[in-house]
Amino acid sequence: MKVTVNVPERLEAEARARGVSVEVYVEQMLSRQSLAFVEATPQSVCAAVDRILELRKANTLAGLRIKDLIHEGHKY
C-alpha cells in the first residue's frame, strides 16, 4: 500500500528549522502527544471510577433483587 501525505509548508519549514526531515519531525510530534495522553489518562480514569462509585451510593432497588427484576419480564 502506498500512502501520500500533503505536508503543509509551515510544518516543512519547522522541520527544516530544527534540522530534521519532515518524517522525523512528525514522529517526534506524535510521540510527545501520545506521552501527554498516556500521562493524563490515569487521572481521568480514576476520577471516573470515583464518580461512578459515588453515584451508586444513592441508588437502591427498594428491597428488590436484580434476579427479581430479570424475571419480571418473564411473567408476560
N, C-alpha and C. Protein backbone atom coordinates (compact mmCIF):
# COMPACT_ATOMS: atom_id res chain seq x y z
N MET A 1 0.85 -1.16 0.00
CA MET A 1 0.00 0.00 0.00
C MET A 1 0.90 1.23 0.00
N LYS A 2 0.50 2.23 -0.73
CA LYS A 2 1.26 3.47 -0.79
C LYS A 2 0.37 4.61 -0.30
N VAL A 3 0.87 5.37 0.65
CA VAL A 3 0.12 6.48 1.23
C VAL A 3 0.83 7.78 0.86
N THR A 4 0.07 8.72 0.36
CA THR A 4 0.62 10.03 0.01
C THR A 4 0.07 11.06 0.99
N VAL A 5 0.97 11.82 1.57
CA VAL A 5 0.57 12.83 2.55
C VAL A 5 1.02 14.20 2.05
N ASN A 6 0.10 15.13 2.05
CA ASN A 6 0.45 16.52 1.70
C ASN A 6 0.83 17.24 2.98
N VAL A 7 2.07 17.70 3.05
CA VAL A 7 2.59 18.36 4.24
C VAL A 7 2.46 19.86 4.07
N PRO A 8 1.84 20.53 5.03
CA PRO A 8 1.75 21.99 4.94
C PRO A 8 3.15 22.62 4.94
N GLU A 9 3.27 23.72 4.26
CA GLU A 9 4.56 24.40 4.16
C GLU A 9 5.08 24.81 5.53
N ARG A 10 4.19 25.20 6.42
CA ARG A 10 4.58 25.61 7.77
C ARG A 10 5.27 24.46 8.50
N LEU A 11 4.72 23.26 8.38
CA LEU A 11 5.30 22.09 9.04
C LEU A 11 6.66 21.75 8.45
N GLU A 12 6.76 21.86 7.15
CA GLU A 12 8.03 21.60 6.48
C GLU A 12 9.09 22.63 6.91
N ALA A 13 8.69 23.89 7.05
CA ALA A 13 9.61 24.94 7.47
C ALA A 13 10.08 24.71 8.91
N GLU A 14 9.17 24.27 9.79
CA GLU A 14 9.54 23.99 11.17
C GLU A 14 10.54 22.84 11.24
N ALA A 15 10.33 21.82 10.43
CA ALA A 15 11.25 20.68 10.41
C ALA A 15 12.62 21.13 9.92
N ARG A 16 12.65 21.93 8.87
CA ARG A 16 13.92 22.44 8.34
C ARG A 16 14.64 23.29 9.38
N ALA A 17 13.88 24.11 10.12
CA ALA A 17 14.48 24.98 11.14
C ALA A 17 15.12 24.14 12.26
N ARG A 18 14.58 22.98 12.53
CA ARG A 18 15.14 22.10 13.57
C ARG A 18 16.24 21.20 13.02
N GLY A 19 16.41 21.20 11.71
CA GLY A 19 17.46 20.42 11.09
C GLY A 19 17.15 18.94 10.96
N VAL A 20 15.87 18.58 10.89
CA VAL A 20 15.47 17.19 10.73
C VAL A 20 14.53 17.06 9.53
N SER A 21 14.33 15.83 9.09
CA SER A 21 13.39 15.62 7.99
C SER A 21 11.96 15.76 8.50
N VAL A 22 11.05 15.93 7.58
CA VAL A 22 9.63 16.07 7.94
C VAL A 22 9.15 14.81 8.65
N GLU A 23 9.58 13.64 8.20
CA GLU A 23 9.16 12.38 8.80
C GLU A 23 9.58 12.30 10.27
N VAL A 24 10.83 12.65 10.53
CA VAL A 24 11.34 12.61 11.91
C VAL A 24 10.61 13.63 12.76
N TYR A 25 10.38 14.82 12.23
CA TYR A 25 9.69 15.87 12.96
C TYR A 25 8.27 15.43 13.33
N VAL A 26 7.56 14.83 12.39
CA VAL A 26 6.19 14.36 12.65
C VAL A 26 6.21 13.24 13.68
N GLU A 27 7.15 12.32 13.59
CA GLU A 27 7.26 11.25 14.58
C GLU A 27 7.49 11.82 15.98
N GLN A 28 8.34 12.83 16.09
CA GLN A 28 8.59 13.46 17.39
C GLN A 28 7.33 14.12 17.93
N MET A 29 6.60 14.80 17.05
CA MET A 29 5.35 15.45 17.48
C MET A 29 4.35 14.41 17.99
N LEU A 30 4.21 13.32 17.25
CA LEU A 30 3.26 12.29 17.63
C LEU A 30 3.66 11.60 18.93
N SER A 31 4.94 11.37 19.13
CA SER A 31 5.38 10.73 20.37
C SER A 31 5.13 11.64 21.56
N ARG A 32 5.35 12.95 21.40
CA ARG A 32 5.06 13.88 22.51
C ARG A 32 3.58 13.90 22.83
N GLN A 33 2.74 13.90 21.80
CA GLN A 33 1.29 13.92 22.02
C GLN A 33 0.81 12.63 22.67
N SER A 34 1.35 11.50 22.26
CA SER A 34 0.92 10.23 22.84
C SER A 34 1.35 10.13 24.30
N LEU A 35 2.55 10.65 24.62
CA LEU A 35 3.00 10.64 26.02
C LEU A 35 2.12 11.54 26.87
N ALA A 36 1.72 12.67 26.34
CA ALA A 36 0.83 13.57 27.08
C ALA A 36 -0.50 12.91 27.32
N PHE A 37 -0.99 12.14 26.35
CA PHE A 37 -2.27 11.45 26.50
C PHE A 37 -2.16 10.36 27.56
N VAL A 38 -1.09 9.59 27.53
CA VAL A 38 -0.90 8.49 28.48
C VAL A 38 -0.77 9.03 29.89
N GLU A 39 -0.07 10.15 30.05
CA GLU A 39 0.10 10.73 31.38
C GLU A 39 -1.21 11.28 31.93
N ALA A 40 -2.10 11.76 31.07
CA ALA A 40 -3.36 12.34 31.52
C ALA A 40 -4.42 11.28 31.77
N THR A 41 -4.33 10.14 31.13
CA THR A 41 -5.38 9.14 31.20
C THR A 41 -5.61 8.56 32.59
N PRO A 42 -4.60 8.13 33.35
CA PRO A 42 -4.88 7.52 34.65
C PRO A 42 -5.68 8.41 35.60
N GLN A 43 -5.41 9.70 35.59
CA GLN A 43 -6.15 10.60 36.46
C GLN A 43 -7.61 10.65 36.06
N SER A 44 -7.89 10.72 34.77
CA SER A 44 -9.28 10.81 34.33
C SER A 44 -10.00 9.49 34.58
N VAL A 45 -9.30 8.37 34.46
CA VAL A 45 -9.91 7.07 34.73
C VAL A 45 -10.25 6.96 36.21
N CYS A 46 -9.32 7.35 37.05
CA CYS A 46 -9.56 7.30 38.50
C CYS A 46 -10.73 8.21 38.89
N ALA A 47 -10.77 9.37 38.29
CA ALA A 47 -11.87 10.30 38.58
C ALA A 47 -13.20 9.72 38.14
N ALA A 48 -13.23 9.04 36.99
CA ALA A 48 -14.47 8.44 36.51
C ALA A 48 -14.91 7.31 37.43
N VAL A 49 -13.98 6.49 37.88
CA VAL A 49 -14.32 5.39 38.79
C VAL A 49 -14.86 5.95 40.11
N ASP A 50 -14.20 6.97 40.63
CA ASP A 50 -14.68 7.59 41.86
C ASP A 50 -16.09 8.15 41.70
N ARG A 51 -16.35 8.77 40.56
CA ARG A 51 -17.69 9.33 40.31
C ARG A 51 -18.75 8.24 40.22
N ILE A 52 -18.43 7.14 39.56
CA ILE A 52 -19.37 6.02 39.44
C ILE A 52 -19.68 5.46 40.82
N LEU A 53 -18.66 5.29 41.65
CA LEU A 53 -18.88 4.76 42.99
C LEU A 53 -19.72 5.70 43.83
N GLU A 54 -19.51 7.00 43.68
CA GLU A 54 -20.33 7.97 44.41
C GLU A 54 -21.79 7.92 43.96
N LEU A 55 -22.01 7.82 42.65
CA LEU A 55 -23.37 7.82 42.11
C LEU A 55 -24.15 6.58 42.55
N ARG A 56 -23.48 5.45 42.70
CA ARG A 56 -24.23 4.25 43.05
C ARG A 56 -24.61 4.19 44.52
N LYS A 57 -24.03 5.03 45.37
CA LYS A 57 -24.35 5.01 46.79
C LYS A 57 -25.82 5.39 47.03
N ALA A 58 -26.36 6.29 46.24
CA ALA A 58 -27.72 6.76 46.46
C ALA A 58 -28.77 5.89 45.79
N ASN A 59 -28.38 4.97 44.94
CA ASN A 59 -29.33 4.14 44.21
C ASN A 59 -29.64 2.86 44.96
N THR A 60 -30.94 2.59 45.13
CA THR A 60 -31.37 1.35 45.76
C THR A 60 -32.46 0.72 44.91
N LEU A 61 -32.73 -0.53 45.18
CA LEU A 61 -33.79 -1.23 44.45
C LEU A 61 -35.04 -1.42 45.30
N ALA A 62 -35.12 -0.70 46.40
CA ALA A 62 -36.29 -0.74 47.29
C ALA A 62 -36.63 -2.17 47.71
N GLY A 63 -35.62 -2.92 48.10
CA GLY A 63 -35.86 -4.27 48.59
C GLY A 63 -35.88 -5.34 47.52
N LEU A 64 -35.88 -4.98 46.26
CA LEU A 64 -35.89 -5.97 45.18
C LEU A 64 -34.46 -6.45 44.91
N ARG A 65 -34.40 -7.62 44.34
CA ARG A 65 -33.11 -8.15 43.91
C ARG A 65 -33.03 -8.02 42.39
N ILE A 66 -31.82 -8.04 41.86
CA ILE A 66 -31.62 -7.98 40.41
C ILE A 66 -32.34 -9.16 39.76
N LYS A 67 -32.27 -10.32 40.39
CA LYS A 67 -32.91 -11.52 39.85
C LYS A 67 -34.42 -11.31 39.72
N ASP A 68 -35.04 -10.65 40.70
CA ASP A 68 -36.48 -10.36 40.63
C ASP A 68 -36.79 -9.48 39.41
N LEU A 69 -35.95 -8.50 39.17
CA LEU A 69 -36.18 -7.60 38.04
C LEU A 69 -36.01 -8.33 36.71
N ILE A 70 -35.07 -9.26 36.65
CA ILE A 70 -34.87 -10.04 35.43
C ILE A 70 -36.10 -10.89 35.15
N HIS A 71 -36.63 -11.54 36.18
CA HIS A 71 -37.77 -12.43 36.00
C HIS A 71 -39.08 -11.68 35.82
N GLU A 72 -39.10 -10.40 36.12
CA GLU A 72 -40.31 -9.59 35.95
C GLU A 72 -40.78 -9.64 34.48
N GLY A 73 -39.87 -9.59 33.56
CA GLY A 73 -40.22 -9.62 32.16
C GLY A 73 -40.66 -11.00 31.69
N HIS A 74 -40.37 -12.05 32.42
CA HIS A 74 -40.71 -13.41 32.03
C HIS A 74 -42.17 -13.76 32.35
N LYS A 75 -42.82 -12.94 33.14
CA LYS A 75 -44.19 -13.25 33.55
C LYS A 75 -45.19 -13.04 32.40
N TYR A 76 -44.83 -12.26 31.40
CA TYR A 76 -45.81 -11.92 30.36
C TYR A 76 -45.44 -12.51 29.03
